[in-house]
Protein backbone atom coordinates (compact mmCIF):
# COMPACT_ATOMS: atom_id res chain seq x y z
CA MET A 1 79.94 139.94 152.39
CA ALA A 2 79.98 138.48 155.27
CA VAL A 3 76.39 137.55 155.04
CA ALA A 4 75.48 135.26 157.78
CA THR A 5 71.80 135.15 158.80
CA LEU A 6 68.14 135.01 157.82
CA VAL A 7 64.39 134.68 158.68
CA SER A 8 61.78 132.58 160.10
CA GLY A 9 58.57 132.57 161.69
CA ALA A 10 57.84 134.97 164.39
CA GLY A 11 58.70 138.77 164.13
CA THR A 12 57.13 141.91 162.72
CA ALA A 13 57.50 141.67 158.91
CA VAL A 14 56.09 144.44 156.93
CA ALA A 15 53.20 142.89 154.87
CA ALA A 16 54.06 143.05 151.08
CA ALA A 17 51.12 145.00 150.17
CA SER A 18 51.96 148.02 152.38
CA VAL A 19 54.91 149.22 150.56
CA PRO A 20 54.96 152.80 149.68
CA ALA A 21 56.03 154.46 146.70
CA ALA A 22 58.27 156.65 149.05
CA GLU A 23 59.48 160.17 148.30
CA PRO A 24 61.99 162.34 150.10
CA LEU A 25 60.19 163.62 153.32
CA ALA A 26 59.61 167.52 153.09
CA GLY A 27 62.17 169.60 154.95
CA VAL A 28 64.66 166.81 155.92
CA VAL A 29 67.19 166.83 152.71
CA PRO A 30 70.46 167.42 154.55
CA GLN A 31 72.69 170.25 153.70
CA LEU A 32 76.03 168.76 153.15
CA THR A 33 79.35 170.70 153.87
CA TRP A 34 82.21 169.16 152.09
CA ALA A 35 85.93 169.42 153.49
CA ALA A 36 89.14 167.90 152.42
CA CYS A 37 89.69 164.39 154.43
CA GLY A 38 92.54 162.53 152.38
CA LEU A 39 94.45 160.38 154.95
CA THR A 40 97.09 159.57 152.41
CA GLU A 41 99.05 161.60 149.94
CA ASP A 42 97.16 159.75 146.76
CA ALA A 43 93.96 160.39 148.45
CA THR A 44 94.68 163.95 149.21
CA ALA A 45 96.03 164.43 145.56
CA ALA A 46 92.61 162.98 144.47
CA GLY A 47 90.79 165.75 146.40
CA VAL A 48 88.74 163.34 148.57
CA GLN A 49 86.35 165.33 150.58
CA CYS A 50 84.07 164.21 153.54
CA ALA A 51 80.80 165.74 154.98
CA THR A 52 78.01 164.40 157.48
CA ALA A 53 74.44 164.58 156.87
CA GLY A 54 71.85 164.74 159.90
CA LEU A 55 68.90 162.50 159.08
CA PRO A 56 65.96 161.18 161.09
CA MET A 57 66.42 158.21 163.03
CA ASP A 58 62.96 157.37 162.47
CA HIS A 59 61.63 158.32 159.13
CA ASP A 60 58.00 158.41 160.78
CA GLU A 61 59.32 161.31 162.73
CA PRO A 62 61.23 163.51 160.87
CA ASP A 63 61.47 165.94 163.53
CA GLY A 64 62.50 163.36 166.26
CA GLU A 65 65.93 162.14 167.33
CA SER A 66 68.50 162.39 164.41
CA ILE A 67 71.38 160.42 163.49
CA ARG A 68 74.85 161.52 161.47
CA ILE A 69 75.76 159.80 158.37
CA ALA A 70 79.39 160.03 157.43
CA LEU A 71 80.12 160.44 153.63
CA SER A 72 83.36 160.68 151.55
CA ARG A 73 83.56 161.34 148.05
CA VAL A 74 86.15 161.70 145.02
CA PRO A 75 84.98 164.49 142.69
CA ALA A 76 84.62 163.64 139.01
CA THR A 77 87.70 163.98 137.16
CA ASP A 78 86.05 165.26 133.73
CA PRO A 79 83.59 167.89 135.41
CA ALA A 80 82.61 169.12 132.14
CA ASN A 81 81.21 165.76 131.42
CA ARG A 82 80.09 164.50 134.84
CA ILE A 83 77.00 162.60 134.92
CA GLY A 84 76.38 162.90 138.54
CA SER A 85 77.28 160.88 141.78
CA LEU A 86 77.78 157.30 142.01
CA PHE A 87 77.02 155.72 145.37
CA VAL A 88 79.15 152.73 146.29
CA ASN A 89 78.51 150.35 149.30
CA PRO A 90 80.76 147.35 149.68
CA GLY A 91 78.17 144.94 151.69
CA GLY A 92 78.30 143.60 155.07
CA PRO A 93 75.77 143.93 156.61
CA GLY A 94 77.76 146.68 158.36
CA GLY A 95 80.13 147.51 155.82
CA GLU A 96 81.39 150.97 155.01
CA PHE A 97 83.59 152.55 152.14
CA VAL A 98 84.01 156.08 153.60
CA THR A 99 87.41 155.41 155.26
CA HIS A 100 88.88 153.30 152.25
CA LEU A 101 88.10 156.61 149.81
CA GLN A 102 89.83 158.61 152.54
CA GLU A 103 93.00 156.46 152.41
CA ALA A 104 93.01 155.08 148.58
CA GLY A 105 91.08 157.71 146.68
CA ALA A 106 89.06 156.31 143.76
CA GLY A 107 91.19 153.36 143.28
CA LEU A 108 89.29 150.60 141.31
CA PHE A 109 86.49 153.04 140.52
CA ALA A 110 88.97 155.42 138.64
CA ASP A 111 87.58 154.74 135.10
CA LEU A 112 84.12 155.41 136.48
CA ASN A 113 85.34 158.66 138.52
CA ALA A 114 85.80 160.58 135.04
CA ARG A 115 82.06 161.08 134.95
CA PHE A 116 80.93 160.43 138.46
CA ASP A 117 81.52 161.78 142.02
CA ILE A 118 82.41 158.37 143.70
CA VAL A 119 80.31 158.66 146.90
CA ALA A 120 80.68 156.41 149.76
CA PHE A 121 78.56 156.41 152.89
CA ALA A 122 78.39 154.63 156.16
CA PRO A 123 75.05 153.03 156.71
CA ARG A 124 73.06 153.86 160.08
CA GLY A 125 74.51 152.01 162.86
CA VAL A 126 77.96 151.66 161.09
CA ALA A 127 81.18 153.79 162.07
CA PRO A 128 82.20 156.42 161.16
CA SER A 129 78.42 157.42 161.12
CA THR A 130 76.87 158.01 164.78
CA PRO A 131 75.68 156.47 166.68
CA ALA A 132 77.65 153.34 165.68
CA VAL A 133 76.73 149.96 167.01
CA ASP A 134 79.47 148.34 169.33
CA CYS A 135 78.51 145.57 171.64
CA GLN A 136 81.78 146.23 173.50
CA VAL A 137 82.62 142.30 173.92
CA ASP A 138 85.78 140.56 173.23
CA PRO A 139 85.47 139.03 169.89
CA GLU A 140 87.06 135.57 170.53
CA THR A 141 85.53 134.64 174.10
CA GLN A 142 82.09 136.55 173.91
CA GLY A 143 81.08 137.56 170.26
CA PRO A 144 78.76 136.09 167.96
CA THR A 145 81.32 133.30 166.53
CA VAL A 146 81.49 130.49 168.95
CA THR A 147 84.83 128.88 169.40
CA PRO A 148 85.45 126.09 170.01
CA THR A 149 83.12 125.44 167.21
CA PRO A 150 80.34 123.08 168.38
CA THR A 151 79.79 119.73 166.60
CA PRO A 152 77.03 117.11 166.89
CA LEU A 153 79.41 115.09 169.12
CA ASP A 154 79.80 117.91 171.78
CA VAL A 155 77.10 120.25 171.29
CA ASP A 156 75.74 121.52 174.50
CA LEU A 157 72.36 123.42 174.11
CA ASP A 158 72.41 125.20 177.69
CA ALA A 159 75.98 126.58 176.87
CA LEU A 160 75.00 127.82 173.52
CA VAL A 161 72.02 129.44 174.89
CA ASP A 162 74.08 131.15 177.81
CA ARG A 163 76.70 132.46 175.44
CA ALA A 164 74.24 133.96 173.06
CA GLN A 165 72.00 135.30 175.51
CA GLY A 166 75.07 136.81 177.23
CA TYR A 167 76.08 138.53 173.74
CA VAL A 168 72.52 139.63 173.31
CA ASP A 169 72.28 141.24 176.66
CA ALA A 170 75.51 143.08 175.90
CA CYS A 171 74.37 144.57 172.63
CA LEU A 172 71.29 145.72 174.23
CA ALA A 173 73.20 147.41 177.23
CA ALA A 174 75.93 149.22 174.92
CA ASN A 175 73.71 150.48 172.43
CA GLY A 176 70.40 152.90 172.60
CA PRO A 177 67.24 153.59 170.38
CA ILE A 178 69.38 152.81 167.09
CA LEU A 179 68.69 149.34 167.46
CA GLU A 180 65.16 149.71 166.40
CA HIS A 181 66.02 151.52 163.48
CA LEU A 182 68.53 149.31 161.49
CA SER A 183 66.68 147.88 158.79
CA THR A 184 67.80 147.71 155.00
CA ALA A 185 64.62 149.59 154.29
CA ASN A 186 65.72 152.48 156.51
CA VAL A 187 69.20 152.40 154.81
CA ALA A 188 67.09 152.61 151.73
CA ARG A 189 65.28 155.88 152.85
CA ASP A 190 68.53 157.36 153.93
CA LEU A 191 70.03 156.79 150.73
CA ASP A 192 67.26 158.62 148.68
CA LEU A 193 67.72 161.80 151.02
CA LEU A 194 71.57 161.46 150.29
CA ARG A 195 70.70 161.21 146.70
CA ALA A 196 68.56 164.55 146.74
CA ALA A 197 71.25 166.18 149.08
CA VAL A 198 74.05 165.86 146.48
CA GLY A 199 71.66 167.02 143.94
CA ASP A 200 71.00 164.18 141.71
CA GLU A 201 67.42 163.93 140.44
CA GLN A 202 68.01 160.09 140.25
CA LEU A 203 70.25 157.70 141.85
CA SER A 204 73.31 155.95 140.40
CA TYR A 205 74.40 152.94 142.63
CA LEU A 206 76.76 150.37 142.82
CA GLY A 207 76.41 147.72 145.50
CA PHE A 208 78.18 144.52 146.21
CA SER A 209 77.09 141.65 148.20
CA TYR A 210 74.54 142.72 151.06
CA GLY A 211 74.95 146.21 149.11
CA THR A 212 72.69 144.32 146.53
CA VAL A 213 70.06 143.94 149.16
CA ILE A 214 69.95 147.76 149.80
CA GLY A 215 69.66 148.29 145.83
CA ALA A 216 66.93 146.04 145.35
CA THR A 217 65.19 147.42 148.46
CA TYR A 218 65.72 150.95 147.08
CA ALA A 219 64.33 149.78 143.76
CA ARG A 220 61.28 148.75 145.08
CA LEU A 221 60.57 151.62 147.64
CA TYR A 222 61.64 154.22 145.01
CA PRO A 223 60.46 152.79 141.55
CA ASP A 224 61.19 156.14 139.96
CA GLY A 225 64.03 157.18 141.98
CA TYR A 226 66.84 155.54 140.08
CA ARG A 227 68.73 155.75 136.66
CA ALA A 228 71.25 152.83 137.21
CA LEU A 229 71.42 150.05 139.68
CA VAL A 230 74.31 147.68 139.61
CA LEU A 231 74.26 144.59 142.13
CA ASP A 232 77.42 142.62 142.06
CA ALA A 233 77.87 139.31 143.89
CA ALA A 234 74.06 139.25 144.51
CA VAL A 235 72.03 138.40 147.29
CA ASP A 236 68.82 136.21 147.41
CA ALA A 237 67.22 139.34 149.21
CA ASP A 238 63.98 137.07 149.70
CA GLY A 239 66.00 134.29 151.07
CA TYR A 240 68.22 136.78 153.27
CA LEU A 241 65.26 138.18 155.03
CA ASN A 242 62.61 135.25 154.87
CA ASP A 243 64.51 132.18 155.35
CA PRO A 244 67.86 132.84 157.08
CA LEU A 245 68.63 129.35 158.20
CA SER A 246 68.64 127.75 154.71
CA PHE A 247 70.44 131.20 153.46
CA THR A 248 72.98 130.29 155.61
CA ALA A 249 73.12 126.62 154.58
CA GLU A 250 73.67 127.73 151.00
CA GLN A 251 76.39 129.86 151.72
CA ALA A 252 78.14 126.95 153.62
CA ALA A 253 77.69 124.95 150.58
CA GLY A 254 79.32 127.98 148.31
CA PHE A 255 82.44 127.56 150.36
CA GLU A 256 82.67 123.96 150.35
CA VAL A 257 82.81 124.08 146.37
CA ALA A 258 85.05 127.00 146.64
CA LEU A 259 87.47 124.97 148.87
CA ALA A 260 87.20 122.08 146.47
CA ARG A 261 88.16 124.46 143.43
CA PHE A 262 91.07 126.01 145.42
CA THR A 263 92.76 122.53 146.12
CA GLU A 264 92.21 121.39 142.62
CA ALA A 265 94.17 124.32 141.33
CA CYS A 266 96.77 123.93 144.27
CA ALA A 267 97.40 120.15 142.62
CA VAL A 268 97.71 121.56 139.14
CA ASP A 269 100.00 124.51 140.13
CA GLN A 270 102.18 123.55 143.06
CA VAL A 271 104.38 126.52 142.50
CA ALA A 272 101.54 128.92 143.30
CA CYS A 273 100.21 126.93 146.10
CA SER A 274 103.76 126.98 147.86
CA GLY A 275 103.91 123.12 147.69
CA PHE A 276 100.87 122.67 149.98
CA GLY A 277 99.29 119.33 149.62
CA GLY A 278 101.55 117.74 146.68
CA THR A 279 99.28 115.59 144.45
CA ASP A 280 96.39 115.72 146.88
CA PRO A 281 95.85 119.11 148.49
CA TYR A 282 92.34 118.35 149.57
CA LEU A 283 93.47 115.54 151.37
CA ALA A 284 96.28 117.31 152.90
CA TYR A 285 93.80 120.07 154.02
CA ASP A 286 91.63 117.23 155.96
CA ARG A 287 94.74 116.05 157.42
CA LEU A 288 95.99 119.37 158.49
CA LEU A 289 92.56 120.13 160.22
CA ALA A 290 92.51 116.66 161.96
CA GLY A 291 96.03 117.11 163.29
CA ALA A 292 95.11 120.72 164.69
CA GLU A 293 92.20 119.31 166.25
CA THR A 294 94.51 116.77 168.19
CA THR A 295 97.54 118.90 168.93
CA PRO A 296 97.32 122.71 167.73
CA ILE A 297 99.90 123.89 165.56
CA PRO A 298 102.81 126.20 167.22
CA ALA A 299 102.94 129.94 166.20
CA ASP A 300 106.09 130.95 168.10
CA ALA A 301 107.12 133.23 165.09
CA TYR A 302 104.31 135.86 166.11
CA PRO A 303 105.46 137.02 169.22
CA ALA A 304 102.67 139.19 169.84
CA ASP A 305 100.35 136.29 170.23
CA PRO A 306 102.16 132.78 169.99
CA ARG A 307 99.10 130.68 170.81
CA PRO A 308 99.19 127.43 168.93
CA VAL A 309 96.71 127.48 166.12
CA THR A 310 93.30 125.26 166.38
CA ALA A 311 91.35 123.75 163.42
CA ASP A 312 88.89 126.45 164.00
CA ASP A 313 91.51 129.21 163.15
CA ILE A 314 92.54 127.25 160.32
CA ARG A 315 88.82 127.20 159.07
CA LEU A 316 88.32 130.99 159.64
CA VAL A 317 91.50 131.91 157.63
CA THR A 318 90.51 129.40 154.91
CA ALA A 319 87.18 130.76 154.45
CA ARG A 320 88.10 134.59 154.44
CA LEU A 321 91.00 133.96 152.10
CA LEU A 322 88.54 132.07 149.69
CA TYR A 323 86.91 135.49 149.25
CA ALA A 324 89.18 136.68 146.49
CA LYS A 325 91.14 134.67 144.01
CA GLN A 326 94.04 137.01 144.26
CA LEU A 327 94.47 135.79 147.73
CA TRP A 328 94.56 131.84 146.82
CA GLY A 329 98.22 132.08 146.67
CA LEU A 330 98.37 133.43 150.30
CA LEU A 331 96.27 130.81 151.27
CA GLY A 332 98.53 128.18 149.87
CA LEU A 333 101.41 129.61 151.68
CA VAL A 334 99.88 129.95 155.20
CA LEU A 335 98.40 126.29 154.77
CA SER A 336 101.88 125.07 153.59
CA GLU A 337 103.71 126.76 156.39
CA ALA A 338 101.33 125.28 158.66
CA ALA A 339 101.60 121.74 157.23
CA ASN A 340 105.28 122.14 158.20
CA GLY A 341 104.72 122.88 161.75
CA ASP A 342 104.72 126.65 161.87
CA ALA A 343 100.91 128.57 162.15
CA SER A 344 102.36 131.90 162.85
CA PHE A 345 100.95 133.37 159.51
CA ILE A 346 97.57 131.66 160.46
CA ARG A 347 97.84 133.22 164.09
CA ALA A 348 98.81 136.67 162.43
CA LEU A 349 95.91 136.76 160.34
CA VAL A 350 93.15 135.49 163.11
CA ASP A 351 94.38 137.94 165.52
CA SER A 352 95.19 141.26 163.22
CA VAL A 353 92.58 140.96 160.43
CA PHE A 354 89.85 138.58 161.19
CA ARG A 355 89.32 138.99 164.92
CA ALA A 356 91.15 142.41 165.73
CA ASP A 357 87.60 144.08 166.23
CA SER A 358 84.22 142.67 167.15
CA ALA A 359 82.13 145.72 165.98
CA PRO A 360 81.84 144.57 162.43
CA ASP A 361 80.40 141.29 163.68
CA ASP A 362 78.19 143.25 165.95
CA ARG A 363 76.89 145.61 163.22
CA SER A 364 75.96 142.64 161.03
CA PHE A 365 74.31 140.90 163.72
CA THR A 366 72.04 143.83 164.93
CA ILE A 367 71.15 144.91 161.49
CA GLY A 368 70.17 141.61 160.10
CA ALA A 369 68.49 140.65 163.72
CA SER A 370 66.18 143.80 163.23
CA GLU A 371 64.72 142.29 159.91
CA GLN A 372 65.31 138.73 159.31
CA ARG A 373 62.75 136.44 160.32
CA TYR A 374 64.52 133.63 162.45
CA PRO A 375 62.47 131.04 164.14
CA GLN A 376 61.66 132.23 167.48
CA GLY A 377 60.74 129.68 170.60
CA ASP A 378 61.67 126.29 169.70
CA LEU A 379 65.55 126.19 169.42
CA GLN A 380 65.48 122.47 168.67
CA VAL A 381 65.48 123.66 164.98
CA TYR A 382 68.69 125.13 165.55
CA LEU A 383 70.19 121.95 166.84
CA ASP A 384 68.67 120.14 163.99
CA ARG A 385 70.18 122.47 161.60
CA GLY A 386 73.39 122.48 163.19
CA ALA A 387 73.48 118.66 162.69
CA GLU A 388 72.38 118.74 159.23
CA SER A 389 74.90 121.28 158.38
CA TRP A 390 77.83 119.25 159.72
CA ALA A 391 76.47 116.17 157.96
CA SER A 392 76.42 118.17 154.47
CA PHE A 393 79.26 120.70 154.78
CA PRO A 394 82.22 119.28 156.72
CA HIS A 395 84.31 122.12 156.69
CA PHE A 396 82.04 125.01 156.78
CA GLY A 397 78.95 123.47 158.47
CA GLY A 398 79.74 125.20 161.95
CA HIS A 399 78.34 128.30 161.59
CA SER A 400 74.84 127.16 160.48
CA GLY A 401 72.49 126.30 163.15
CA TYR A 402 74.26 126.03 166.22
CA THR A 403 75.75 129.42 166.23
CA GLU A 404 72.72 131.25 165.17
CA ILE A 405 70.72 131.01 168.35
CA HIS A 406 71.43 134.59 169.17
CA TYR A 407 69.09 135.70 166.38
CA ALA A 408 66.43 133.64 168.05
CA LEU A 409 66.78 135.31 171.25
CA TRP A 410 67.25 139.07 169.86
CA PRO A 411 63.86 141.02 171.20
CA VAL A 412 64.47 143.92 168.95
CA ARG A 413 62.52 144.36 165.55
CA ASP A 414 62.45 147.43 163.16
CA GLU A 415 58.88 148.08 162.36
CA ASP A 416 59.55 149.76 159.38
CA ALA A 417 61.59 146.71 157.70
CA TYR A 418 60.78 145.51 154.25
CA THR A 419 60.91 141.79 153.39
CA GLY A 420 59.67 141.77 149.85
CA PRO A 421 58.53 141.19 147.26
CA PHE A 422 61.34 142.87 145.18
CA GLU A 423 59.79 143.31 141.86
CA ALA A 424 61.14 146.39 140.16
CA SER A 425 59.01 148.77 138.22
CA ALA A 426 58.49 148.10 134.45
CA SER A 427 58.97 151.68 133.73
CA ALA A 428 62.13 152.00 135.43
CA PRO A 429 65.75 151.27 134.14
CA ALA A 430 66.26 147.57 134.26
CA PRO A 431 69.04 146.69 137.08
CA LEU A 432 72.06 145.19 135.93
CA VAL A 433 72.68 141.79 138.19
CA ILE A 434 76.32 140.50 138.20
CA GLY A 435 76.92 136.91 139.20
CA THR A 436 80.19 134.94 139.52
CA THR A 437 79.91 131.17 138.91
CA TYR A 438 82.06 129.91 141.92
CA ASP A 439 81.40 132.99 144.18
CA PRO A 440 81.75 131.28 147.83
CA ALA A 441 79.97 133.80 149.77
CA THR A 442 76.96 134.77 147.45
CA PRO A 443 76.29 131.66 145.30
CA TYR A 444 75.62 132.24 141.70
CA ALA A 445 71.89 130.98 142.33
CA TRP A 446 71.28 133.92 144.35
CA SER A 447 72.16 136.09 141.39
CA GLU A 448 69.86 133.99 139.30
CA ARG A 449 67.12 134.36 142.14
CA LEU A 450 67.46 138.20 142.35
CA THR A 451 67.33 138.89 138.83
CA ALA A 452 64.13 136.80 138.71
CA ASP A 453 62.53 138.42 141.49
CA LEU A 454 63.36 141.99 140.21
CA GLY A 455 61.64 140.90 136.96
CA THR A 456 63.27 143.59 134.67
CA ALA A 457 66.89 143.13 135.56
CA ARG A 458 69.51 141.79 133.50
CA LEU A 459 72.05 139.08 134.49
CA LEU A 460 75.71 139.27 133.71
CA THR A 461 77.80 136.20 134.61
CA MET A 462 81.55 136.11 135.21
CA GLU A 463 82.95 132.42 134.84
CA GLY A 464 85.44 132.35 137.93
CA ASP A 465 86.20 132.14 141.47
CA GLY A 466 85.88 134.61 144.49
CA HIS A 467 83.33 137.12 145.74
CA ALA A 468 82.20 139.83 143.44
CA ALA A 469 83.34 140.72 139.69
CA TYR A 470 83.75 144.35 139.11
CA GLY A 471 87.19 145.92 139.59
CA GLY A 472 89.86 144.27 137.69
CA GLU A 473 88.68 140.67 137.51
CA SER A 474 87.57 140.66 134.11
CA ALA A 475 87.86 143.47 131.48
CA CYS A 476 84.54 142.19 129.98
CA ILE A 477 82.82 142.71 133.33
CA ASP A 478 84.39 146.03 133.75
CA SER A 479 83.70 147.31 130.51
CA SER A 480 79.97 146.13 130.54
CA THR A 481 79.19 147.60 134.05
CA GLU A 482 80.77 150.96 132.70
CA ALA A 483 78.97 150.91 129.67
CA TYR A 484 75.69 150.54 131.77
CA LEU A 485 76.38 153.11 134.49
CA VAL A 486 77.51 155.71 131.74
CA ASP A 487 75.13 155.25 128.72
CA GLY A 488 72.28 153.08 130.35
CA ALA A 489 73.58 150.38 127.67
CA LEU A 490 72.71 146.81 128.90
CA PRO A 491 74.96 143.83 127.94
CA ALA A 492 73.44 141.32 125.67
CA ALA A 493 70.97 138.78 127.55
CA GLY A 494 73.24 135.61 128.19
CA THR A 495 76.57 137.55 128.46
CA VAL A 496 79.11 135.43 129.87
CA CYS A 497 82.56 136.85 130.90
CA ARG A 498 85.65 135.03 131.70
CA GLN A 499 87.72 135.88 134.76
CA GLU A 500 91.32 137.00 134.04
CA THR A 501 92.61 136.96 137.71
CA PRO A 502 95.74 134.42 137.66
CA PHE A 503 96.72 132.06 140.79
CA LEU A 504 100.02 133.33 141.79
CA SER A 505 102.18 132.61 144.93
CA PRO A 506 102.72 135.64 147.10
CA VAL A 507 106.00 137.61 147.20
CA PRO A 508 108.99 135.46 148.61
CA ALA A 509 109.36 135.15 152.28
CA PRO A 510 106.62 137.64 153.55
CA THR A 511 106.74 138.85 157.33
CA THR A 512 103.40 138.07 159.39
CA ALA A 513 102.76 141.88 158.86
CA ALA A 514 102.97 141.53 154.92
CA VAL A 515 100.70 138.75 155.09
CA ALA A 516 98.23 140.71 157.01
CA ALA A 517 98.38 143.73 154.70
CA GLN A 518 97.83 141.48 151.69
CA ALA A 519 94.91 139.82 153.16
CA LEU A 520 93.54 143.26 154.16
CA SER A 521 94.09 144.58 150.55
CA GLY A 522 92.58 141.56 148.83
CA LEU A 523 89.39 141.55 150.91
CA LEU A 524 88.35 144.94 149.81
CA PRO A 525 86.02 145.34 146.90
């Protein structure tokens, strides 16, 4: 999830008591025409199909302006025993799985694909759905991630506000009325129409990270609309929407814990970690950052962009590679190379993977800002939170507080947003929430909170590291999830599964292109 925002005082939040028990609007269930769309031999062989659905931009005006939602699916491989469609969302906000299915087919959902059509959809505002949000800015110099990252020693409020206002103005100028209709609640409304469009009486859903907010919102708006909801790497939906500054601080704390776990593992297994840090990788990491602050590290072996690598670049790559334990070996390699004076791998990752396109950040921002209740007016609260974050989270505090000011300046709110409560119906099937004990991006406490808020949900725990649990991390997690989705069988209360992902060094002597490809594959759910 690249979740990075939250809520506060002013704004138009929908009152909890106003929640309707929504039903599909008469006459707007879209007709879908599926056509082959595999982009690789494997996907073509799997029979991947695509369609687009015309849906109302504003569900209060079903005959008004429309949007086009992109979908892809892999038909069930055992049609005689097909249950229906399983809708999958990978998170974000702003993530989509449509193109991944076109390229990879069912992939990690192959076992579920026997009984389900695996269906991906790009939520409203997210390409390849149209219109798609794109603020058309340079992600490094004008995007929402401020570099160099401000610290309490050099923070300049006027400069932060100017940068944030410029970004907000660019987003407003480059995008149209879709900005007023991006909330999670509207995605849930879309999802119910898509469920009807594929012919399912009730929804089967597997959501990761921010996708769990979509699922929890659906459960509230459509209490009789689902047969199974799996919410993996769960987000504290109430915190995400109603206290975003605290939410991002908790996420920074999660990454601090993950870094400590990674460096401890490095000390134990120097082979897997490519020799980074010797007996004290944590200290070595701090020294690497300090050295890069003073003298950026050369990246001459990446001719596409040989600019030296800064401490900000190292922190960015570290955070992203901590998302998946299978990427720990890659993280050890790129840190080891940098410590030896060559940061070309880090530069390749920054440029080709993490800052190649600003649009995902634009979508995450505009979707969140349409519904999150960030403090408005008094910007001192952002300075105070920035100072607190750096004091509490010395490696990952830079994106909490100082660099959230653009949320305070965003003027657009979705009047149809929903901000809780998230209690599920006692007469509906119990959702299955999955949490990983050392998940850096969605801390385990969020899974506990969402389980409590839903009321009827069952929490399934994976002892381990990385973001999200289903899909090859643990046979226990996979079998429990599949039993629930297929048969409605919940795991026993208190079930704890062990992660089975090893800490391994990457392939010998990788190229910068191979490093980027491995990072991309490991970051997909």
